[in-house]
Amino acid sequence: MTVVDLPGGVVHPLPDDLRSALLAETPVTRAWCDLTPLARNEFICWVDDAKRPETRARRIRRTCEELAEGARRPCCWPGCAHRERTGRA
């Protein structure tokens, strides 16, 4: 996998704005690639769930900050409601 070929989640593809933010910092890119598909899915769903552009931008920024700090899931997120409990779409 190349750095440009960042993986998405189980249900959610990686949106372009989040992809750009993840690629901006090498440690964040590496942390993203080290996540499981389910964990990536949680971050993507959390970002996509934002209703306002300001909230989405803040969640993208927080995703990068949390990944840089070693987080494996988004803080304060109950989980993606778009997948079955088995982890499948």
PDB file of N, CA and C in Angstrom:
ATOM      1  N   MET A   1       0.844  -1.175   0.000  1.00  0.00           N
ATOM      2  CA  MET A   1       0.000   0.000   0.000  1.00  0.00           C
ATOM      3  C   MET A   1       0.887   1.235   0.000  1.00  0.00           C
ATOM      4  N   THR A   2       0.609   2.166  -0.879  1.00  0.00           N
ATOM      5  CA  THR A   2       1.344   3.414  -0.903  1.00  0.00           C
ATOM      6  C   THR A   2       0.664   4.402   0.025  1.00  0.00           C
ATOM      7  N   VAL A   3       1.372   5.466   0.358  1.00  0.00           N
ATOM      8  CA  VAL A   3       0.822   6.464   1.265  1.00  0.00           C
ATOM      9  C   VAL A   3      -0.429   7.098   0.652  1.00  0.00           C
ATOM     10  N   VAL A   4      -0.452   7.296  -0.654  1.00  0.00           N
ATOM     11  CA  VAL A   4      -1.592   7.926  -1.313  1.00  0.00           C
ATOM     12  C   VAL A   4      -2.803   6.999  -1.306  1.00  0.00           C
ATOM     13  N   ASP A   5      -2.572   5.702  -1.246  1.00  0.00           N
ATOM     14  CA  ASP A   5      -3.635   4.707  -1.267  1.00  0.00           C
ATOM     15  C   ASP A   5      -4.090   4.400   0.155  1.00  0.00           C
ATOM     16  N   LEU A   6      -4.648   5.405   0.826  1.00  0.00           N
ATOM     17  CA  LEU A   6      -5.101   5.202   2.196  1.00  0.00           C
ATOM     18  C   LEU A   6      -6.363   4.354   2.212  1.00  0.00           C
ATOM     19  N   PRO A   7      -6.435   3.417   3.148  1.00  0.00           N
ATOM     20  CA  PRO A   7      -7.619   2.567   3.235  1.00  0.00           C
ATOM     21  C   PRO A   7      -8.790   3.293   3.892  1.00  0.00           C
ATOM     22  N   GLY A   8      -9.989   2.864   3.527  1.00  0.00           N
ATOM     23  CA  GLY A   8     -11.202   3.385   4.136  1.00  0.00           C
ATOM     24  C   GLY A   8     -11.663   2.474   5.246  1.00  0.00           C
ATOM     25  N   GLY A   9     -12.949   2.494   5.509  1.00  0.00           N
ATOM     26  CA  GLY A   9     -13.518   1.677   6.565  1.00  0.00           C
ATOM     27  C   GLY A   9     -14.235   0.468   6.016  1.00  0.00           C
ATOM     28  N   VAL A  10     -14.973  -0.204   6.879  1.00  0.00           N
ATOM     29  CA  VAL A  10     -15.730  -1.393   6.497  1.00  0.00           C
ATOM     30  C   VAL A  10     -16.943  -0.999   5.659  1.00  0.00           C
ATOM     31  N   VAL A  11     -17.646   0.015   6.078  1.00  0.00           N
ATOM     32  CA  VAL A  11     -18.857   0.456   5.396  1.00  0.00           C
ATOM     33  C   VAL A  11     -18.609   1.756   4.647  1.00  0.00           C
ATOM     34  N   HIS A  12     -17.831   2.642   5.228  1.00  0.00           N
ATOM     35  CA  HIS A  12     -17.640   3.983   4.696  1.00  0.00           C
ATOM     36  C   HIS A  12     -16.339   4.119   3.915  1.00  0.00           C
ATOM     37  N   PRO A  13     -16.411   4.663   2.697  1.00  0.00           N
ATOM     38  CA  PRO A  13     -15.180   5.003   1.976  1.00  0.00           C
ATOM     39  C   PRO A  13     -14.547   6.242   2.610  1.00  0.00           C
ATOM     40  N   LEU A  14     -13.281   6.425   2.393  1.00  0.00           N
ATOM     41  CA  LEU A  14     -12.563   7.559   2.962  1.00  0.00           C
ATOM     42  C   LEU A  14     -12.883   8.823   2.158  1.00  0.00           C
ATOM     43  N   PRO A  15     -13.502   9.846   2.792  1.00  0.00           N
ATOM     44  CA  PRO A  15     -13.821  11.077   2.068  1.00  0.00           C
ATOM     45  C   PRO A  15     -12.557  11.879   1.745  1.00  0.00           C
ATOM     46  N   ASP A  16     -12.625  12.641   0.673  1.00  0.00           N
ATOM     47  CA  ASP A  16     -11.457  13.387   0.199  1.00  0.00           C
ATOM     48  C   ASP A  16     -10.920  14.381   1.217  1.00  0.00           C
ATOM     49  N   ASP A  17     -11.798  15.090   1.933  1.00  0.00           N
ATOM     50  CA  ASP A  17     -11.309  16.084   2.895  1.00  0.00           C
ATOM     51  C   ASP A  17     -10.568  15.425   4.055  1.00  0.00           C
ATOM     52  N   LEU A  18     -11.061  14.289   4.514  1.00  0.00           N
ATOM     53  CA  LEU A  18     -10.366  13.562   5.581  1.00  0.00           C
ATOM     54  C   LEU A  18      -9.060  12.974   5.050  1.00  0.00           C
ATOM     55  N   ARG A  19      -9.085  12.432   3.831  1.00  0.00           N
ATOM     56  CA  ARG A  19      -7.862  11.891   3.217  1.00  0.00           C
ATOM     57  C   ARG A  19      -6.763  12.958   3.157  1.00  0.00           C
ATOM     58  N   SER A  20      -7.124  14.156   2.716  1.00  0.00           N
ATOM     59  CA  SER A  20      -6.138  15.242   2.616  1.00  0.00           C
ATOM     60  C   SER A  20      -5.532  15.574   3.977  1.00  0.00           C
ATOM     61  N   ALA A  21      -6.376  15.625   4.995  1.00  0.00           N
ATOM     62  CA  ALA A  21      -5.884  15.930   6.346  1.00  0.00           C
ATOM     63  C   ALA A  21      -4.966  14.825   6.864  1.00  0.00           C
ATOM     64  N   LEU A  22      -5.332  13.580   6.601  1.00  0.00           N
ATOM     65  CA  LEU A  22      -4.515  12.452   7.066  1.00  0.00           C
ATOM     66  C   LEU A  22      -3.159  12.426   6.369  1.00  0.00           C
ATOM     67  N   LEU A  23      -3.125  12.845   5.124  1.00  0.00           N
ATOM     68  CA  LEU A  23      -1.874  12.835   4.362  1.00  0.00           C
ATOM     69  C   LEU A  23      -0.964  14.012   4.694  1.00  0.00           C
ATOM     70  N   ALA A  24      -1.475  15.004   5.396  1.00  0.00           N
ATOM     71  CA  ALA A  24      -0.704  16.212   5.698  1.00  0.00           C
ATOM     72  C   ALA A  24       0.421  15.968   6.695  1.00  0.00           C
ATOM     73  N   GLU A  25       0.290  14.932   7.521  1.00  0.00           N
ATOM     74  CA  GLU A  25       1.307  14.655   8.544  1.00  0.00           C
ATOM     75  C   GLU A  25       1.642  13.165   8.531  1.00  0.00           C
ATOM     76  N   THR A  26       2.903  12.856   8.318  1.00  0.00           N
ATOM     77  CA  THR A  26       3.332  11.461   8.203  1.00  0.00           C
ATOM     78  C   THR A  26       2.978  10.614   9.422  1.00  0.00           C
ATOM     79  N   PRO A  27       3.169  11.087  10.668  1.00  0.00           N
ATOM     80  CA  PRO A  27       2.790  10.253  11.816  1.00  0.00           C
ATOM     81  C   PRO A  27       1.294   9.922  11.837  1.00  0.00           C
ATOM     82  N   VAL A  28       0.476  10.868  11.415  1.00  0.00           N
ATOM     83  CA  VAL A  28      -0.972  10.653  11.381  1.00  0.00           C
ATOM     84  C   VAL A  28      -1.304   9.643  10.280  1.00  0.00           C
ATOM     85  N   THR A  29      -0.651   9.764   9.148  1.00  0.00           N
ATOM     86  CA  THR A  29      -0.854   8.816   8.043  1.00  0.00           C
ATOM     87  C   THR A  29      -0.506   7.402   8.490  1.00  0.00           C
ATOM     88  N   ARG A  30       0.613   7.267   9.162  1.00  0.00           N
ATOM     89  CA  ARG A  30       1.037   5.937   9.651  1.00  0.00           C
ATOM     90  C   ARG A  30       0.051   5.387  10.678  1.00  0.00           C
ATOM     91  N   ALA A  31      -0.412   6.253  11.572  1.00  0.00           N
ATOM     92  CA  ALA A  31      -1.368   5.816  12.594  1.00  0.00           C
ATOM     93  C   ALA A  31      -2.659   5.348  11.935  1.00  0.00           C
ATOM     94  N   TRP A  32      -3.121   6.066  10.918  1.00  0.00           N
ATOM     95  CA  TRP A  32      -4.338   5.691  10.202  1.00  0.00           C
ATOM     96  C   TRP A  32      -4.178   4.314   9.570  1.00  0.00           C
ATOM     97  N   CYS A  33      -3.060   4.098   8.922  1.00  0.00           N
ATOM     98  CA  CYS A  33      -2.815   2.821   8.241  1.00  0.00           C
ATOM     99  C   CYS A  33      -2.683   1.662   9.226  1.00  0.00           C
ATOM    100  N   ASP A  34      -2.332   1.966  10.463  1.00  0.00           N
ATOM    101  CA  ASP A  34      -2.169   0.943  11.491  1.00  0.00           C
ATOM    102  C   ASP A  34      -3.498   0.548  12.147  1.00  0.00           C
ATOM    103  N   LEU A  35      -4.565   1.326  11.912  1.00  0.00           N
ATOM    104  CA  LEU A  35      -5.872   1.011  12.488  1.00  0.00           C
ATOM    105  C   LEU A  35      -6.513  -0.171  11.775  1.00  0.00           C
ATOM    106  N   THR A  36      -7.400  -0.839  12.479  1.00  0.00           N
ATOM    107  CA  THR A  36      -8.193  -1.893  11.843  1.00  0.00           C
ATOM    108  C   THR A  36      -9.242  -1.237  10.941  1.00  0.00           C
ATOM    109  N   PRO A  37      -9.782  -1.972   9.972  1.00  0.00           N
ATOM    110  CA  PRO A  37     -10.846  -1.408   9.142  1.00  0.00           C
ATOM    111  C   PRO A  37     -12.044  -0.923   9.965  1.00  0.00           C
ATOM    112  N   LEU A  38     -12.376  -1.642  11.036  1.00  0.00           N
ATOM    113  CA  LEU A  38     -13.495  -1.203  11.886  1.00  0.00           C
ATOM    114  C   LEU A  38     -13.188   0.110  12.596  1.00  0.00           C
ATOM    115  N   ALA A  39     -11.968   0.275  13.055  1.00  0.00           N
ATOM    116  CA  ALA A  39     -11.587   1.517  13.729  1.00  0.00           C
ATOM    117  C   ALA A  39     -11.604   2.684  12.743  1.00  0.00           C
ATOM    118  N   ARG A  40     -11.077   2.456  11.534  1.00  0.00           N
ATOM    119  CA  ARG A  40     -11.130   3.512  10.513  1.00  0.00           C
ATOM    120  C   ARG A  40     -12.581   3.873  10.202  1.00  0.00           C
ATOM    121  N   ASN A  41     -13.426   2.864  10.123  1.00  0.00           N
ATOM    122  CA  ASN A  41     -14.843   3.085   9.864  1.00  0.00           C
ATOM    123  C   ASN A  41     -15.465   4.003  10.916  1.00  0.00           C
ATOM    124  N   GLU A  42     -15.103   3.810  12.176  1.00  0.00           N
ATOM    125  CA  GLU A  42     -15.650   4.635  13.259  1.00  0.00           C
ATOM    126  C   GLU A  42     -15.265   6.102  13.079  1.00  0.00           C
ATOM    127  N   PHE A  43     -13.993   6.356  12.752  1.00  0.00           N
ATOM    128  CA  PHE A  43     -13.560   7.736  12.545  1.00  0.00           C
ATOM    129  C   PHE A  43     -14.285   8.348  11.348  1.00  0.00           C
ATOM    130  N   ILE A  44     -14.387   7.613  10.250  1.00  0.00           N
ATOM    131  CA  ILE A  44     -15.048   8.136   9.049  1.00  0.00           C
ATOM    132  C   ILE A  44     -16.520   8.439   9.336  1.00  0.00           C
ATOM    133  N   CYS A  45     -17.205   7.532  10.003  1.00  0.00           N
ATOM    134  CA  CYS A  45     -18.618   7.729  10.318  1.00  0.00           C
ATOM    135  C   CYS A  45     -18.794   8.942  11.224  1.00  0.00           C
ATOM    136  N   TRP A  46     -17.916   9.102  12.182  1.00  0.00           N
ATOM    137  CA  TRP A  46     -17.971  10.240  13.100  1.00  0.00           C
ATOM    138  C   TRP A  46     -17.844  11.550  12.324  1.00  0.00           C
ATOM    139  N   VAL A  47     -16.903  11.612  11.405  1.00  0.00           N
ATOM    140  CA  VAL A  47     -16.728  12.809  10.578  1.00  0.00           C
ATOM    141  C   VAL A  47     -17.951  13.016   9.686  1.00  0.00           C
ATOM    142  N   ASP A  48     -18.398  11.962   9.021  1.00  0.00           N
ATOM    143  CA  ASP A  48     -19.542  12.070   8.103  1.00  0.00           C
ATOM    144  C   ASP A  48     -20.846  12.416   8.813  1.00  0.00           C
ATOM    145  N   ASP A  49     -20.949  12.114  10.088  1.00  0.00           N
ATOM    146  CA  ASP A  49     -22.174  12.372  10.848  1.00  0.00           C
ATOM    147  C   ASP A  49     -22.370  13.852  11.184  1.00  0.00           C
ATOM    148  N   ALA A  50     -21.344  14.660  11.007  1.00  0.00           N
ATOM    149  CA  ALA A  50     -21.454  16.089  11.313  1.00  0.00           C
ATOM    150  C   ALA A  50     -22.484  16.752  10.398  1.00  0.00           C
ATOM    151  N   LYS A  51     -23.305  17.588  10.969  1.00  0.00           N
ATOM    152  CA  LYS A  51     -24.359  18.253  10.200  1.00  0.00           C
ATOM    153  C   LYS A  51     -23.879  19.568   9.571  1.00  0.00           C
ATOM    154  N   ARG A  52     -22.990  20.261  10.253  1.00  0.00           N
ATOM    155  CA  ARG A  52     -22.521  21.568   9.790  1.00  0.00           C
ATOM    156  C   ARG A  52     -21.073  21.468   9.311  1.00  0.00           C
ATOM    157  N   PRO A  53     -20.702  22.263   8.315  1.00  0.00           N
ATOM    158  CA  PRO A  53     -19.326  22.248   7.828  1.00  0.00           C
ATOM    159  C   PRO A  53     -18.300  22.548   8.924  1.00  0.00           C
ATOM    160  N   GLU A  54     -18.667  23.430   9.855  1.00  0.00           N
ATOM    161  CA  GLU A  54     -17.749  23.770  10.949  1.00  0.00           C
ATOM    162  C   GLU A  54     -17.505  22.566  11.856  1.00  0.00           C
ATOM    163  N   THR A  55     -18.555  21.818  12.094  1.00  0.00           N
ATOM    164  CA  THR A  55     -18.424  20.622  12.933  1.00  0.00           C
ATOM    165  C   THR A  55     -17.585  19.578  12.219  1.00  0.00           C
ATOM    166  N   ARG A  56     -17.825  19.397  10.933  1.00  0.00           N
ATOM    167  CA  ARG A  56     -17.047  18.437  10.155  1.00  0.00           C
ATOM    168  C   ARG A  56     -15.559  18.803  10.180  1.00  0.00           C
ATOM    169  N   ALA A  57     -15.252  20.074   9.958  1.00  0.00           N
ATOM    170  CA  ALA A  57     -13.852  20.522   9.975  1.00  0.00           C
ATOM    171  C   ALA A  57     -13.222  20.278  11.344  1.00  0.00           C
ATOM    172  N   ARG A  58     -13.977  20.560  12.405  1.00  0.00           N
ATOM    173  CA  ARG A  58     -13.468  20.326  13.764  1.00  0.00           C
ATOM    174  C   ARG A  58     -13.222  18.836  13.999  1.00  0.00           C
ATOM    175  N   ARG A  59     -14.114  17.975  13.514  1.00  0.00           N
ATOM    176  CA  ARG A  59     -13.940  16.532  13.704  1.00  0.00           C
ATOM    177  C   ARG A  59     -12.762  15.997  12.902  1.00  0.00           C
ATOM    178  N   ILE A  60     -12.535  16.538  11.734  1.00  0.00           N
ATOM    179  CA  ILE A  60     -11.361  16.126  10.961  1.00  0.00           C
ATOM    180  C   ILE A  60     -10.100  16.518  11.703  1.00  0.00           C
ATOM    181  N   ARG A  61     -10.069  17.750  12.214  1.00  0.00           N
ATOM    182  CA  ARG A  61      -8.906  18.206  12.986  1.00  0.00           C
ATOM    183  C   ARG A  61      -8.695  17.324  14.215  1.00  0.00           C
ATOM    184  N   ARG A  62      -9.779  17.022  14.927  1.00  0.00           N
ATOM    185  CA  ARG A  62      -9.670  16.179  16.126  1.00  0.00           C
ATOM    186  C   ARG A  62      -9.242  14.759  15.782  1.00  0.00           C
ATOM    187  N   THR A  63      -9.707  14.248  14.652  1.00  0.00           N
ATOM    188  CA  THR A  63      -9.274  12.916  14.220  1.00  0.00           C
ATOM    189  C   THR A  63      -7.765  12.881  14.099  1.00  0.00           C
ATOM    190  N   CYS A  64      -7.196  13.873  13.432  1.00  0.00           N
ATOM    191  CA  CYS A  64      -5.743  13.920  13.262  1.00  0.00           C
ATOM    192  C   CYS A  64      -5.026  14.080  14.604  1.00  0.00           C
ATOM    193  N   GLU A  65      -5.561  14.927  15.466  1.00  0.00           N
ATOM    194  CA  GLU A  65      -4.964  15.118  16.793  1.00  0.00           C
ATOM    195  C   GLU A  65      -5.021  13.824  17.602  1.00  0.00           C
ATOM    196  N   GLU A  66      -6.169  13.176  17.601  1.00  0.00           N
ATOM    197  CA  GLU A  66      -6.320  11.946  18.381  1.00  0.00           C
ATOM    198  C   GLU A  66      -5.432  10.830  17.848  1.00  0.00           C
ATOM    199  N   LEU A  67      -5.323  10.715  16.531  1.00  0.00           N
ATOM    200  CA  LEU A  67      -4.432   9.702  15.961  1.00  0.00           C
ATOM    201  C   LEU A  67      -2.984   9.989  16.346  1.00  0.00           C
ATOM    202  N   ALA A  68      -2.589  11.255  16.306  1.00  0.00           N
ATOM    203  CA  ALA A  68      -1.226  11.631  16.686  1.00  0.00           C
ATOM    204  C   ALA A  68      -0.940  11.312  18.151  1.00  0.00           C
ATOM    205  N   GLU A  69      -1.995  11.329  18.978  1.00  0.00           N
ATOM    206  CA  GLU A  69      -1.849  11.021  20.406  1.00  0.00           C
ATOM    207  C   GLU A  69      -1.984   9.533  20.702  1.00  0.00           C
ATOM    208  N   GLY A  70      -2.243   8.730  19.668  1.00  0.00           N
ATOM    209  CA  GLY A  70      -2.318   7.289  19.851  1.00  0.00           C
ATOM    210  C   GLY A  70      -3.713   6.710  20.004  1.00  0.00           C
ATOM    211  N   ALA A  71      -4.748   7.521  19.805  1.00  0.00           N
ATOM    212  CA  ALA A  71      -6.123   7.019  19.930  1.00  0.00           C
ATOM    213  C   ALA A  71      -6.406   5.981  18.850  1.00  0.00           C
ATOM    214  N   ARG A  72      -7.217   5.002  19.194  1.00  0.00           N
ATOM    215  CA  ARG A  72      -7.583   3.949  18.250  1.00  0.00           C
ATOM    216  C   ARG A  72      -9.046   4.034  17.822  1.00  0.00           C
ATOM    217  N   ARG A  73      -9.820   4.865  18.499  1.00  0.00           N
ATOM    218  CA  ARG A  73     -11.233   5.094  18.185  1.00  0.00           C
ATOM    219  C   ARG A  73     -11.530   6.553  18.498  1.00  0.00           C
ATOM    220  N   PRO A  74     -12.567   7.135  17.871  1.00  0.00           N
ATOM    221  CA  PRO A  74     -12.912   8.520  18.193  1.00  0.00           C
ATOM    222  C   PRO A  74     -13.421   8.642  19.630  1.00  0.00           C
ATOM    223  N   CYS A  75     -13.012   9.702  20.277  1.00  0.00           N
ATOM    224  CA  CYS A  75     -13.443   9.963  21.646  1.00  0.00           C
ATOM    225  C   CYS A  75     -14.929  10.298  21.661  1.00  0.00           C
ATOM    226  N   CYS A  76     -15.633   9.789  22.623  1.00  0.00           N
ATOM    227  CA  CYS A  76     -17.037  10.150  22.859  1.00  0.00           C
ATOM    228  C   CYS A  76     -17.952   9.815  21.683  1.00  0.00           C
ATOM    229  N   TRP A  77     -17.719   8.725  20.997  1.00  0.00           N
ATOM    230  CA  TRP A  77     -18.546   8.310  19.854  1.00  0.00           C
ATOM    231  C   TRP A  77     -19.109   6.932  20.160  1.00  0.00           C
ATOM    232  N   PRO A  78     -20.441   6.786  20.119  1.00  0.00           N
ATOM    233  CA  PRO A  78     -21.043   5.492  20.472  1.00  0.00           C
ATOM    234  C   PRO A  78     -20.792   4.392  19.451  1.00  0.00           C
ATOM    235  N   GLY A  79     -20.337   4.754  18.275  1.00  0.00           N
ATOM    236  CA  GLY A  79     -20.046   3.751  17.249  1.00  0.00           C
ATOM    237  C   GLY A  79     -20.914   3.927  16.025  1.00  0.00           C
ATOM    238  N   CYS A  80     -20.465   3.372  14.939  1.00  0.00           N
ATOM    239  CA  CYS A  80     -21.157   3.500  13.662  1.00  0.00           C
ATOM    240  C   CYS A  80     -22.450   2.695  13.682  1.00  0.00           C
ATOM    241  N   ALA A  81     -23.536   3.370  13.386  1.00  0.00           N
ATOM    242  CA  ALA A  81     -24.842   2.714  13.344  1.00  0.00           C
ATOM    243  C   ALA A  81     -25.109   2.095  11.978  1.00  0.00           C
ATOM    244  N   HIS A  82     -24.186   2.255  11.045  1.00  0.00           N
ATOM    245  CA  HIS A  82     -24.385   1.798   9.679  1.00  0.00           C
ATOM    246  C   HIS A  82     -23.870   0.386   9.417  1.00  0.00           C
ATOM    247  N   ARG A  83     -23.333  -0.250  10.412  1.00  0.00           N
ATOM    248  CA  ARG A  83     -22.849  -1.614  10.212  1.00  0.00           C
ATOM    249  C   ARG A  83     -23.517  -2.555  11.209  1.00  0.00           C
ATOM    250  N   GLU A  84     -23.535  -3.806  10.875  1.00  0.00           N
ATOM    251  CA  GLU A  84     -24.087  -4.813  11.778  1.00  0.00           C
ATOM    252  C   GLU A  84     -23.105  -5.054  12.906  1.00  0.00           C
ATOM    253  N   ARG A  85     -23.556  -5.611  13.961  1.00  0.00           N
ATOM    254  CA  ARG A  85     -22.697  -5.910  15.096  1.00  0.00           C
ATOM    255  C   ARG A  85     -21.594  -6.922  14.743  1.00  0.00           C
ATOM    256  N   THR A  86     -21.746  -7.618  13.635  1.00  0.00           N
ATOM    257  CA  THR A  86     -20.718  -8.573  13.216  1.00  0.00           C
ATOM    258  C   THR A  86     -19.539  -7.860  12.565  1.00  0.00           C
ATOM    259  N   GLY A  87     -19.700  -6.554  12.280  1.00  0.00           N
ATOM    260  CA  GLY A  87     -18.645  -5.812  11.618  1.00  0.00           C
ATOM    261  C   GLY A  87     -18.783  -5.792  10.115  1.00  0.00           C
ATOM    262  N   ARG A  88     -19.840  -6.405   9.609  1.00  0.00           N
ATOM    263  CA  ARG A  88     -20.061  -6.442   8.167  1.00  0.00           C
ATOM    264  C   ARG A  88     -21.040  -5.362   7.747  1.00  0.00           C
ATOM    265  N   ALA A  89     -20.971  -5.021   6.483  1.00  0.00           N
ATOM    266  CA  ALA A  89     -21.897  -4.002   5.950  1.00  0.00           C
ATOM    267  C   ALA A  89     -23.294  -4.551   5.848  1.00  0.00           C
TER     268      ALA A  89
END
